[in-house]
Amino acid sequence: MASEKKNIFFLENKDLLKLENEIDKIDLEVSALKNFIVPGGNKIISFCHIARCVCRRAERRIIELSDTFFVSEFSLKYINRLSDYLFILSRKLAKDFKIKEIIL
């Protein structure tokens, strides 16, 4: 049985920059937020919020892991920005679907 080569995907700085550019672009489309919002209003929007929660949990686990092992700052920065992206994407979708955000 021949060994198969595995394609491993590595994140690069350009991936982080693309994510940050998308955040900035969407940020211009949605209103400024000074309060908390209640997640939900639509199934797709809820999925964005759930994915964001999973990213935040992963970020906390990566920080715990860094107490014992080397973890690149890039990894932490990327997952943090990914959760920010998912949050602002949920806000954009609410705007696009004309769903009123519930603000606390």
PDB file of N, CA and C in Angstrom:
ATOM      1  N   MET A   1       0.851  -1.179   0.000  1.00  0.00           N
ATOM      2  CA  MET A   1       0.000   0.000   0.000  1.00  0.00           C
ATOM      3  C   MET A   1       0.896   1.242   0.000  1.00  0.00           C
ATOM      4  N   ALA A   2       0.784   2.029  -1.024  1.00  0.00           N
ATOM      5  CA  ALA A   2       1.605   3.235  -1.143  1.00  0.00           C
ATOM      6  C   ALA A   2       1.061   4.318  -0.212  1.00  0.00           C
ATOM      7  N   SER A   3       1.981   5.068   0.354  1.00  0.00           N
ATOM      8  CA  SER A   3       1.524   6.153   1.238  1.00  0.00           C
ATOM      9  C   SER A   3       1.003   7.313   0.384  1.00  0.00           C
ATOM     10  N   GLU A   4      -0.052   7.882   0.857  1.00  0.00           N
ATOM     11  CA  GLU A   4      -0.650   9.012   0.150  1.00  0.00           C
ATOM     12  C   GLU A   4      -0.124  10.315   0.717  1.00  0.00           C
ATOM     13  N   LYS A   5       0.109  11.261  -0.173  1.00  0.00           N
ATOM     14  CA  LYS A   5       0.509  12.587   0.288  1.00  0.00           C
ATOM     15  C   LYS A   5      -0.732  13.339   0.719  1.00  0.00           C
ATOM     16  N   LYS A   6      -0.605  14.011   1.819  1.00  0.00           N
ATOM     17  CA  LYS A   6      -1.710  14.819   2.321  1.00  0.00           C
ATOM     18  C   LYS A   6      -1.446  16.275   1.980  1.00  0.00           C
ATOM     19  N   ASN A   7      -2.456  16.924   1.478  1.00  0.00           N
ATOM     20  CA  ASN A   7      -2.350  18.358   1.230  1.00  0.00           C
ATOM     21  C   ASN A   7      -2.673  19.078   2.533  1.00  0.00           C
ATOM     22  N   ILE A   8      -1.741  19.850   3.002  1.00  0.00           N
ATOM     23  CA  ILE A   8      -1.933  20.594   4.238  1.00  0.00           C
ATOM     24  C   ILE A   8      -2.058  22.064   3.884  1.00  0.00           C
ATOM     25  N   PHE A   9      -3.110  22.667   4.392  1.00  0.00           N
ATOM     26  CA  PHE A   9      -3.377  24.070   4.124  1.00  0.00           C
ATOM     27  C   PHE A   9      -2.745  24.905   5.223  1.00  0.00           C
ATOM     28  N   PHE A  10      -1.920  25.851   4.853  1.00  0.00           N
ATOM     29  CA  PHE A  10      -1.305  26.756   5.809  1.00  0.00           C
ATOM     30  C   PHE A  10      -1.856  28.162   5.594  1.00  0.00           C
ATOM     31  N   LEU A  11      -2.245  28.777   6.687  1.00  0.00           N
ATOM     32  CA  LEU A  11      -2.689  30.162   6.607  1.00  0.00           C
ATOM     33  C   LEU A  11      -1.478  31.065   6.486  1.00  0.00           C
ATOM     34  N   GLU A  12      -1.632  32.103   5.712  1.00  0.00           N
ATOM     35  CA  GLU A  12      -0.551  33.057   5.511  1.00  0.00           C
ATOM     36  C   GLU A  12      -1.049  34.451   5.858  1.00  0.00           C
ATOM     37  N   ASN A  13      -0.130  35.376   5.945  1.00  0.00           N
ATOM     38  CA  ASN A  13      -0.479  36.751   6.282  1.00  0.00           C
ATOM     39  C   ASN A  13      -1.500  37.319   5.299  1.00  0.00           C
ATOM     40  N   LYS A  14      -1.418  36.937   4.033  1.00  0.00           N
ATOM     41  CA  LYS A  14      -2.374  37.430   3.041  1.00  0.00           C
ATOM     42  C   LYS A  14      -3.798  36.978   3.374  1.00  0.00           C
ATOM     43  N   ASP A  15      -3.938  35.815   4.023  1.00  0.00           N
ATOM     44  CA  ASP A  15      -5.261  35.333   4.422  1.00  0.00           C
ATOM     45  C   ASP A  15      -5.828  36.203   5.538  1.00  0.00           C
ATOM     46  N   LEU A  16      -4.975  36.581   6.465  1.00  0.00           N
ATOM     47  CA  LEU A  16      -5.390  37.465   7.549  1.00  0.00           C
ATOM     48  C   LEU A  16      -5.765  38.840   7.001  1.00  0.00           C
ATOM     49  N   LEU A  17      -4.970  39.346   6.078  1.00  0.00           N
ATOM     50  CA  LEU A  17      -5.260  40.652   5.475  1.00  0.00           C
ATOM     51  C   LEU A  17      -6.583  40.639   4.716  1.00  0.00           C
ATOM     52  N   LYS A  18      -6.851  39.538   4.014  1.00  0.00           N
ATOM     53  CA  LYS A  18      -8.119  39.423   3.289  1.00  0.00           C
ATOM     54  C   LYS A  18      -9.293  39.453   4.267  1.00  0.00           C
ATOM     55  N   LEU A  19      -9.149  38.742   5.372  1.00  0.00           N
ATOM     56  CA  LEU A  19     -10.186  38.721   6.388  1.00  0.00           C
ATOM     57  C   LEU A  19     -10.405  40.121   6.967  1.00  0.00           C
ATOM     58  N   GLU A  20      -9.324  40.797   7.291  1.00  0.00           N
ATOM     59  CA  GLU A  20      -9.428  42.154   7.841  1.00  0.00           C
ATOM     60  C   GLU A  20     -10.040  43.132   6.838  1.00  0.00           C
ATOM     61  N   ASN A  21      -9.697  42.977   5.569  1.00  0.00           N
ATOM     62  CA  ASN A  21     -10.283  43.837   4.531  1.00  0.00           C
ATOM     63  C   ASN A  21     -11.782  43.608   4.405  1.00  0.00           C
ATOM     64  N   GLU A  22     -12.199  42.364   4.499  1.00  0.00           N
ATOM     65  CA  GLU A  22     -13.629  42.056   4.434  1.00  0.00           C
ATOM     66  C   GLU A  22     -14.361  42.644   5.635  1.00  0.00           C
ATOM     67  N   ILE A  23     -13.745  42.552   6.806  1.00  0.00           N
ATOM     68  CA  ILE A  23     -14.344  43.146   8.013  1.00  0.00           C
ATOM     69  C   ILE A  23     -14.521  44.648   7.815  1.00  0.00           C
ATOM     70  N   ASP A  24     -13.474  45.301   7.341  1.00  0.00           N
ATOM     71  CA  ASP A  24     -13.540  46.754   7.119  1.00  0.00           C
ATOM     72  C   ASP A  24     -14.602  47.118   6.092  1.00  0.00           C
ATOM     73  N   LYS A  25     -14.698  46.335   5.040  1.00  0.00           N
ATOM     74  CA  LYS A  25     -15.677  46.591   3.978  1.00  0.00           C
ATOM     75  C   LYS A  25     -17.108  46.463   4.509  1.00  0.00           C
ATOM     76  N   ILE A  26     -17.367  45.405   5.246  1.00  0.00           N
ATOM     77  CA  ILE A  26     -18.710  45.193   5.793  1.00  0.00           C
ATOM     78  C   ILE A  26     -19.022  46.241   6.855  1.00  0.00           C
ATOM     79  N   ASP A  27     -18.013  46.615   7.622  1.00  0.00           N
ATOM     80  CA  ASP A  27     -18.203  47.605   8.679  1.00  0.00           C
ATOM     81  C   ASP A  27     -18.748  48.919   8.128  1.00  0.00           C
ATOM     82  N   LEU A  28     -18.390  49.249   6.904  1.00  0.00           N
ATOM     83  CA  LEU A  28     -18.893  50.469   6.270  1.00  0.00           C
ATOM     84  C   LEU A  28     -20.373  50.349   5.890  1.00  0.00           C
ATOM     85  N   GLU A  29     -20.853  49.111   5.758  1.00  0.00           N
ATOM     86  CA  GLU A  29     -22.236  48.878   5.324  1.00  0.00           C
ATOM     87  C   GLU A  29     -23.236  48.816   6.468  1.00  0.00           C
ATOM     88  N   VAL A  30     -22.761  48.504   7.672  1.00  0.00           N
ATOM     89  CA  VAL A  30     -23.688  48.347   8.802  1.00  0.00           C
ATOM     90  C   VAL A  30     -23.562  49.545   9.746  1.00  0.00           C
ATOM     91  N   SER A  31     -24.606  49.773  10.511  1.00  0.00           N
ATOM     92  CA  SER A  31     -24.579  50.902  11.442  1.00  0.00           C
ATOM     93  C   SER A  31     -23.641  50.599  12.612  1.00  0.00           C
ATOM     94  N   ALA A  32     -23.128  51.674  13.195  1.00  0.00           N
ATOM     95  CA  ALA A  32     -22.251  51.531  14.355  1.00  0.00           C
ATOM     96  C   ALA A  32     -23.028  50.871  15.488  1.00  0.00           C
ATOM     97  N   LEU A  33     -22.342  50.060  16.254  1.00  0.00           N
ATOM     98  CA  LEU A  33     -22.983  49.328  17.334  1.00  0.00           C
ATOM     99  C   LEU A  33     -22.361  49.738  18.659  1.00  0.00           C
ATOM    100  N   LYS A  34     -23.186  50.211  19.567  1.00  0.00           N
ATOM    101  CA  LYS A  34     -22.698  50.652  20.879  1.00  0.00           C
ATOM    102  C   LYS A  34     -23.298  49.815  21.996  1.00  0.00           C
ATOM    103  N   ASN A  35     -24.114  48.836  21.643  1.00  0.00           N
ATOM    104  CA  ASN A  35     -24.780  47.981  22.617  1.00  0.00           C
ATOM    105  C   ASN A  35     -24.603  46.520  22.204  1.00  0.00           C
ATOM    106  N   PHE A  36     -25.069  45.642  23.073  1.00  0.00           N
ATOM    107  CA  PHE A  36     -25.099  44.231  22.717  1.00  0.00           C
ATOM    108  C   PHE A  36     -26.312  43.976  21.846  1.00  0.00           C
ATOM    109  N   ILE A  37     -26.207  42.953  21.003  1.00  0.00           N
ATOM    110  CA  ILE A  37     -27.380  42.542  20.228  1.00  0.00           C
ATOM    111  C   ILE A  37     -27.719  41.107  20.608  1.00  0.00           C
ATOM    112  N   VAL A  38     -28.988  40.783  20.499  1.00  0.00           N
ATOM    113  CA  VAL A  38     -29.439  39.423  20.750  1.00  0.00           C
ATOM    114  C   VAL A  38     -29.238  38.638  19.454  1.00  0.00           C
ATOM    115  N   PRO A  39     -28.436  37.567  19.497  1.00  0.00           N
ATOM    116  CA  PRO A  39     -28.201  36.780  18.283  1.00  0.00           C
ATOM    117  C   PRO A  39     -29.495  36.126  17.792  1.00  0.00           C
ATOM    118  N   GLY A  40     -29.636  36.046  16.483  1.00  0.00           N
ATOM    119  CA  GLY A  40     -30.766  35.320  15.922  1.00  0.00           C
ATOM    120  C   GLY A  40     -31.546  36.138  14.917  1.00  0.00           C
ATOM    121  N   GLY A  41     -32.793  35.727  14.713  1.00  0.00           N
ATOM    122  CA  GLY A  41     -33.659  36.408  13.770  1.00  0.00           C
ATOM    123  C   GLY A  41     -33.791  35.677  12.456  1.00  0.00           C
ATOM    124  N   ASN A  42     -32.873  34.746  12.212  1.00  0.00           N
ATOM    125  CA  ASN A  42     -32.854  34.015  10.952  1.00  0.00           C
ATOM    126  C   ASN A  42     -31.896  32.834  11.140  1.00  0.00           C
ATOM    127  N   LYS A  43     -32.180  31.726  10.498  1.00  0.00           N
ATOM    128  CA  LYS A  43     -31.361  30.518  10.668  1.00  0.00           C
ATOM    129  C   LYS A  43     -29.905  30.760  10.252  1.00  0.00           C
ATOM    130  N   ILE A  44     -29.679  31.414   9.126  1.00  0.00           N
ATOM    131  CA  ILE A  44     -28.321  31.660   8.641  1.00  0.00           C
ATOM    132  C   ILE A  44     -27.579  32.587   9.600  1.00  0.00           C
ATOM    133  N   ILE A  45     -28.263  33.607  10.076  1.00  0.00           N
ATOM    134  CA  ILE A  45     -27.651  34.534  11.032  1.00  0.00           C
ATOM    135  C   ILE A  45     -27.287  33.781  12.313  1.00  0.00           C
ATOM    136  N   SER A  46     -28.183  32.923  12.767  1.00  0.00           N
ATOM    137  CA  SER A  46     -27.903  32.124  13.966  1.00  0.00           C
ATOM    138  C   SER A  46     -26.681  31.236  13.753  1.00  0.00           C
ATOM    139  N   PHE A  47     -26.543  30.666  12.580  1.00  0.00           N
ATOM    140  CA  PHE A  47     -25.367  29.842  12.288  1.00  0.00           C
ATOM    141  C   PHE A  47     -24.080  30.670  12.381  1.00  0.00           C
ATOM    142  N   CYS A  48     -24.125  31.910  11.925  1.00  0.00           N
ATOM    143  CA  CYS A  48     -22.950  32.788  12.042  1.00  0.00           C
ATOM    144  C   CYS A  48     -22.583  33.003  13.512  1.00  0.00           C
ATOM    145  N   HIS A  49     -23.604  33.236  14.338  1.00  0.00           N
ATOM    146  CA  HIS A  49     -23.354  33.452  15.764  1.00  0.00           C
ATOM    147  C   HIS A  49     -22.817  32.184  16.439  1.00  0.00           C
ATOM    148  N   ILE A  50     -23.341  31.035  16.050  1.00  0.00           N
ATOM    149  CA  ILE A  50     -22.841  29.772  16.612  1.00  0.00           C
ATOM    150  C   ILE A  50     -21.386  29.559  16.203  1.00  0.00           C
ATOM    151  N   ALA A  51     -21.087  29.779  14.930  1.00  0.00           N
ATOM    152  CA  ALA A  51     -19.709  29.629  14.450  1.00  0.00           C
ATOM    153  C   ALA A  51     -18.777  30.591  15.185  1.00  0.00           C
ATOM    154  N   ARG A  52     -19.256  31.791  15.459  1.00  0.00           N
ATOM    155  CA  ARG A  52     -18.461  32.762  16.205  1.00  0.00           C
ATOM    156  C   ARG A  52     -18.172  32.250  17.614  1.00  0.00           C
ATOM    157  N   CYS A  53     -19.168  31.676  18.250  1.00  0.00           N
ATOM    158  CA  CYS A  53     -18.974  31.112  19.594  1.00  0.00           C
ATOM    159  C   CYS A  53     -17.948  29.979  19.565  1.00  0.00           C
ATOM    160  N   VAL A  54     -17.998  29.155  18.538  1.00  0.00           N
ATOM    161  CA  VAL A  54     -17.033  28.066  18.407  1.00  0.00           C
ATOM    162  C   VAL A  54     -15.619  28.633  18.228  1.00  0.00           C
ATOM    163  N   CYS A  55     -15.500  29.705  17.437  1.00  0.00           N
ATOM    164  CA  CYS A  55     -14.188  30.353  17.263  1.00  0.00           C
ATOM    165  C   CYS A  55     -13.665  30.901  18.587  1.00  0.00           C
ATOM    166  N   ARG A  56     -14.522  31.534  19.342  1.00  0.00           N
ATOM    167  CA  ARG A  56     -14.107  32.091  20.641  1.00  0.00           C
ATOM    168  C   ARG A  56     -13.662  30.966  21.577  1.00  0.00           C
ATOM    169  N   ARG A  57     -14.398  29.851  21.568  1.00  0.00           N
ATOM    170  CA  ARG A  57     -14.015  28.709  22.402  1.00  0.00           C
ATOM    171  C   ARG A  57     -12.664  28.162  21.960  1.00  0.00           C
ATOM    172  N   ALA A  58     -12.469  28.037  20.653  1.00  0.00           N
ATOM    173  CA  ALA A  58     -11.180  27.563  20.136  1.00  0.00           C
ATOM    174  C   ALA A  58     -10.060  28.518  20.531  1.00  0.00           C
ATOM    175  N   GLU A  59     -10.335  29.805  20.486  1.00  0.00           N
ATOM    176  CA  GLU A  59      -9.338  30.804  20.876  1.00  0.00           C
ATOM    177  C   GLU A  59      -8.928  30.606  22.343  1.00  0.00           C
ATOM    178  N   ARG A  60      -9.910  30.381  23.207  1.00  0.00           N
ATOM    179  CA  ARG A  60      -9.588  30.144  24.616  1.00  0.00           C
ATOM    180  C   ARG A  60      -8.759  28.876  24.789  1.00  0.00           C
ATOM    181  N   ARG A  61      -9.076  27.851  24.031  1.00  0.00           N
ATOM    182  CA  ARG A  61      -8.312  26.580  24.118  1.00  0.00           C
ATOM    183  C   ARG A  61      -6.888  26.764  23.598  1.00  0.00           C
ATOM    184  N   ILE A  62      -6.737  27.542  22.550  1.00  0.00           N
ATOM    185  CA  ILE A  62      -5.395  27.809  22.011  1.00  0.00           C
ATOM    186  C   ILE A  62      -4.563  28.562  23.047  1.00  0.00           C
ATOM    187  N   ILE A  63      -5.185  29.500  23.735  1.00  0.00           N
ATOM    188  CA  ILE A  63      -4.477  30.241  24.786  1.00  0.00           C
ATOM    189  C   ILE A  63      -4.052  29.277  25.895  1.00  0.00           C
ATOM    190  N   GLU A  64      -4.947  28.366  26.294  1.00  0.00           N
ATOM    191  CA  GLU A  64      -4.582  27.352  27.297  1.00  0.00           C
ATOM    192  C   GLU A  64      -3.421  26.501  26.804  1.00  0.00           C
ATOM    193  N   LEU A  65      -3.481  26.092  25.549  1.00  0.00           N
ATOM    194  CA  LEU A  65      -2.430  25.274  24.959  1.00  0.00           C
ATOM    195  C   LEU A  65      -1.095  26.006  24.974  1.00  0.00           C
ATOM    196  N   SER A  66      -1.129  27.311  24.801  1.00  0.00           N
ATOM    197  CA  SER A  66       0.107  28.094  24.751  1.00  0.00           C
ATOM    198  C   SER A  66       0.816  28.149  26.100  1.00  0.00           C
ATOM    199  N   ASP A  67       0.128  27.769  27.168  1.00  0.00           N
ATOM    200  CA  ASP A  67       0.788  27.678  28.473  1.00  0.00           C
ATOM    201  C   ASP A  67       1.788  26.522  28.509  1.00  0.00           C
ATOM    202  N   THR A  68       1.560  25.522  27.672  1.00  0.00           N
ATOM    203  CA  THR A  68       2.402  24.326  27.665  1.00  0.00           C
ATOM    204  C   THR A  68       3.247  24.201  26.401  1.00  0.00           C
ATOM    205  N   PHE A  69       2.702  24.606  25.274  1.00  0.00           N
ATOM    206  CA  PHE A  69       3.364  24.443  23.982  1.00  0.00           C
ATOM    207  C   PHE A  69       3.495  25.789  23.279  1.00  0.00           C
ATOM    208  N   PHE A  70       4.406  25.809  22.317  1.00  0.00           N
ATOM    209  CA  PHE A  70       4.552  27.007  21.497  1.00  0.00           C
ATOM    210  C   PHE A  70       3.328  27.146  20.596  1.00  0.00           C
ATOM    211  N   VAL A  71       2.741  28.325  20.591  1.00  0.00           N
ATOM    212  CA  VAL A  71       1.642  28.653  19.695  1.00  0.00           C
ATOM    213  C   VAL A  71       1.990  29.985  19.048  1.00  0.00           C
ATOM    214  N   SER A  72       1.916  30.022  17.742  1.00  0.00           N
ATOM    215  CA  SER A  72       2.262  31.264  17.054  1.00  0.00           C
ATOM    216  C   SER A  72       1.227  32.345  17.337  1.00  0.00           C
ATOM    217  N   GLU A  73       1.695  33.555  17.447  1.00  0.00           N
ATOM    218  CA  GLU A  73       0.801  34.700  17.628  1.00  0.00           C
ATOM    219  C   GLU A  73      -0.159  34.814  16.449  1.00  0.00           C
ATOM    220  N   PHE A  74       0.312  34.416  15.284  1.00  0.00           N
ATOM    221  CA  PHE A  74      -0.509  34.487  14.080  1.00  0.00           C
ATOM    222  C   PHE A  74      -1.779  33.655  14.239  1.00  0.00           C
ATOM    223  N   SER A  75      -1.641  32.462  14.817  1.00  0.00           N
ATOM    224  CA  SER A  75      -2.803  31.585  15.020  1.00  0.00           C
ATOM    225  C   SER A  75      -3.856  32.265  15.878  1.00  0.00           C
ATOM    226  N   LEU A  76      -3.407  32.865  16.955  1.00  0.00           N
ATOM    227  CA  LEU A  76      -4.337  33.561  17.844  1.00  0.00           C
ATOM    228  C   LEU A  76      -4.973  34.761  17.156  1.00  0.00           C
ATOM    229  N   LYS A  77      -4.164  35.497  16.444  1.00  0.00           N
ATOM    230  CA  LYS A  77      -4.682  36.681  15.754  1.00  0.00           C
ATOM    231  C   LYS A  77      -5.712  36.282  14.700  1.00  0.00           C
ATOM    232  N   TYR A  78      -5.411  35.219  13.945  1.00  0.00           N
ATOM    233  CA  TYR A  78      -6.320  34.809  12.878  1.00  0.00           C
ATOM    234  C   TYR A  78      -7.667  34.353  13.441  1.00  0.00           C
ATOM    235  N   ILE A  79      -7.639  33.516  14.456  1.00  0.00           N
ATOM    236  CA  ILE A  79      -8.919  33.002  14.968  1.00  0.00           C
ATOM    237  C   ILE A  79      -9.724  34.105  15.636  1.00  0.00           C
ATOM    238  N   ASN A  80      -9.038  35.069  16.226  1.00  0.00           N
ATOM    239  CA  ASN A  80      -9.722  36.215  16.810  1.00  0.00           C
ATOM    240  C   ASN A  80     -10.413  37.033  15.728  1.00  0.00           C
ATOM    241  N   ARG A  81      -9.713  37.289  14.652  1.00  0.00           N
ATOM    242  CA  ARG A  81     -10.291  38.069  13.547  1.00  0.00           C
ATOM    243  C   ARG A  81     -11.391  37.284  12.842  1.00  0.00           C
ATOM    244  N   LEU A  82     -11.251  35.959  12.789  1.00  0.00           N
ATOM    245  CA  LEU A  82     -12.294  35.137  12.174  1.00  0.00           C
ATOM    246  C   LEU A  82     -13.598  35.267  12.959  1.00  0.00           C
ATOM    247  N   SER A  83     -13.518  35.267  14.274  1.00  0.00           N
ATOM    248  CA  SER A  83     -14.742  35.430  15.064  1.00  0.00           C
ATOM    249  C   SER A  83     -15.325  36.831  14.875  1.00  0.00           C
ATOM    250  N   ASP A  84     -14.449  37.841  14.745  1.00  0.00           N
ATOM    251  CA  ASP A  84     -14.935  39.199  14.456  1.00  0.00           C
ATOM    252  C   ASP A  84     -15.651  39.238  13.105  1.00  0.00           C
ATOM    253  N   TYR A  85     -15.073  38.544  12.131  1.00  0.00           N
ATOM    254  CA  TYR A  85     -15.684  38.495  10.801  1.00  0.00           C
ATOM    255  C   TYR A  85     -17.075  37.852  10.853  1.00  0.00           C
ATOM    256  N   LEU A  86     -17.181  36.746  11.579  1.00  0.00           N
ATOM    257  CA  LEU A  86     -18.467  36.062  11.661  1.00  0.00           C
ATOM    258  C   LEU A  86     -19.527  36.937  12.335  1.00  0.00           C
ATOM    259  N   PHE A  87     -19.110  37.740  13.308  1.00  0.00           N
ATOM    260  CA  PHE A  87     -20.051  38.641  13.965  1.00  0.00           C
ATOM    261  C   PHE A  87     -20.538  39.720  12.998  1.00  0.00           C
ATOM    262  N   ILE A  88     -19.597  40.350  12.316  1.00  0.00           N
ATOM    263  CA  ILE A  88     -20.002  41.435  11.421  1.00  0.00           C
ATOM    264  C   ILE A  88     -20.751  40.888  10.204  1.00  0.00           C
ATOM    265  N   LEU A  89     -20.425  39.660   9.804  1.00  0.00           N
ATOM    266  CA  LEU A  89     -21.171  39.020   8.720  1.00  0.00           C
ATOM    267  C   LEU A  89     -22.624  38.798   9.147  1.00  0.00           C
ATOM    268  N   SER A  90     -22.835  38.398  10.395  1.00  0.00           N
ATOM    269  CA  SER A  90     -24.205  38.200  10.878  1.00  0.00           C
ATOM    270  C   SER A  90     -24.976  39.518  10.834  1.00  0.00           C
ATOM    271  N   ARG A  91     -24.314  40.612  11.147  1.00  0.00           N
ATOM    272  CA  ARG A  91     -24.958  41.933  11.112  1.00  0.00           C
ATOM    273  C   ARG A  91     -25.293  42.338   9.674  1.00  0.00           C
ATOM    274  N   LYS A  92     -24.368  42.034   8.754  1.00  0.00           N
ATOM    275  CA  LYS A  92     -24.619  42.355   7.346  1.00  0.00           C
ATOM    276  C   LYS A  92     -25.798  41.534   6.819  1.00  0.00           C
ATOM    277  N   LEU A  93     -25.843  40.271   7.179  1.00  0.00           N
ATOM    278  CA  LEU A  93     -26.944  39.428   6.729  1.00  0.00           C
ATOM    279  C   LEU A  93     -28.275  39.929   7.282  1.00  0.00           C
ATOM    280  N   ALA A  94     -28.271  40.359   8.535  1.00  0.00           N
ATOM    281  CA  ALA A  94     -29.503  40.918   9.115  1.00  0.00           C
ATOM    282  C   ALA A  94     -29.953  42.131   8.302  1.00  0.00           C
ATOM    283  N   LYS A  95     -29.000  42.960   7.927  1.00  0.00           N
ATOM    284  CA  LYS A  95     -29.339  44.147   7.120  1.00  0.00           C
ATOM    285  C   LYS A  95     -29.856  43.721   5.741  1.00  0.00           C
ATOM    286  N   ASP A  96     -29.140  42.781   5.108  1.00  0.00           N
ATOM    287  CA  ASP A  96     -29.537  42.322   3.773  1.00  0.00           C
ATOM    288  C   ASP A  96     -30.919  41.665   3.775  1.00  0.00           C
ATOM    289  N   PHE A  97     -31.224  40.903   4.843  1.00  0.00           N
ATOM    290  CA  PHE A  97     -32.514  40.210   4.941  1.00  0.00           C
ATOM    291  C   PHE A  97     -33.598  41.097   5.560  1.00  0.00           C
ATOM    292  N   LYS A  98     -33.219  42.354   5.887  1.00  0.00           N
ATOM    293  CA  LYS A  98     -34.143  43.313   6.493  1.00  0.00           C
ATOM    294  C   LYS A  98     -34.718  42.778   7.812  1.00  0.00           C
ATOM    295  N   ILE A  99     -33.827  42.221   8.623  1.00  0.00           N
ATOM    296  CA  ILE A  99     -34.217  41.702   9.928  1.00  0.00           C
ATOM    297  C   ILE A  99     -33.751  42.682  10.986  1.00  0.00           C
ATOM    298  N   LYS A 100     -34.667  43.149  11.787  1.00  0.00           N
ATOM    299  CA  LYS A 100     -34.344  44.133  12.824  1.00  0.00           C
ATOM    300  C   LYS A 100     -33.528  43.455  13.922  1.00  0.00           C
ATOM    301  N   GLU A 101     -32.380  44.075  14.241  1.00  0.00           N
ATOM    302  CA  GLU A 101     -31.548  43.557  15.327  1.00  0.00           C
ATOM    303  C   GLU A 101     -32.156  43.976  16.665  1.00  0.00           C
ATOM    304  N   ILE A 102     -32.160  43.051  17.601  1.00  0.00           N
ATOM    305  CA  ILE A 102     -32.650  43.353  18.936  1.00  0.00           C
ATOM    306  C   ILE A 102     -31.462  43.792  19.775  1.00  0.00           C
ATOM    307  N   ILE A 103     -31.496  45.057  20.189  1.00  0.00           N
ATOM    308  CA  ILE A 103     -30.376  45.656  20.913  1.00  0.00           C
ATOM    309  C   ILE A 103     -30.704  45.695  22.395  1.00  0.00           C
ATOM    310  N   LEU A 104     -29.708  45.327  23.194  1.00  0.00           N
ATOM    311  CA  LEU A 104     -29.869  45.389  24.659  1.00  0.00           C
ATOM    312  C   LEU A 104     -29.249  46.644  25.199  1.00  0.00           C
TER     313      LEU A 104
END
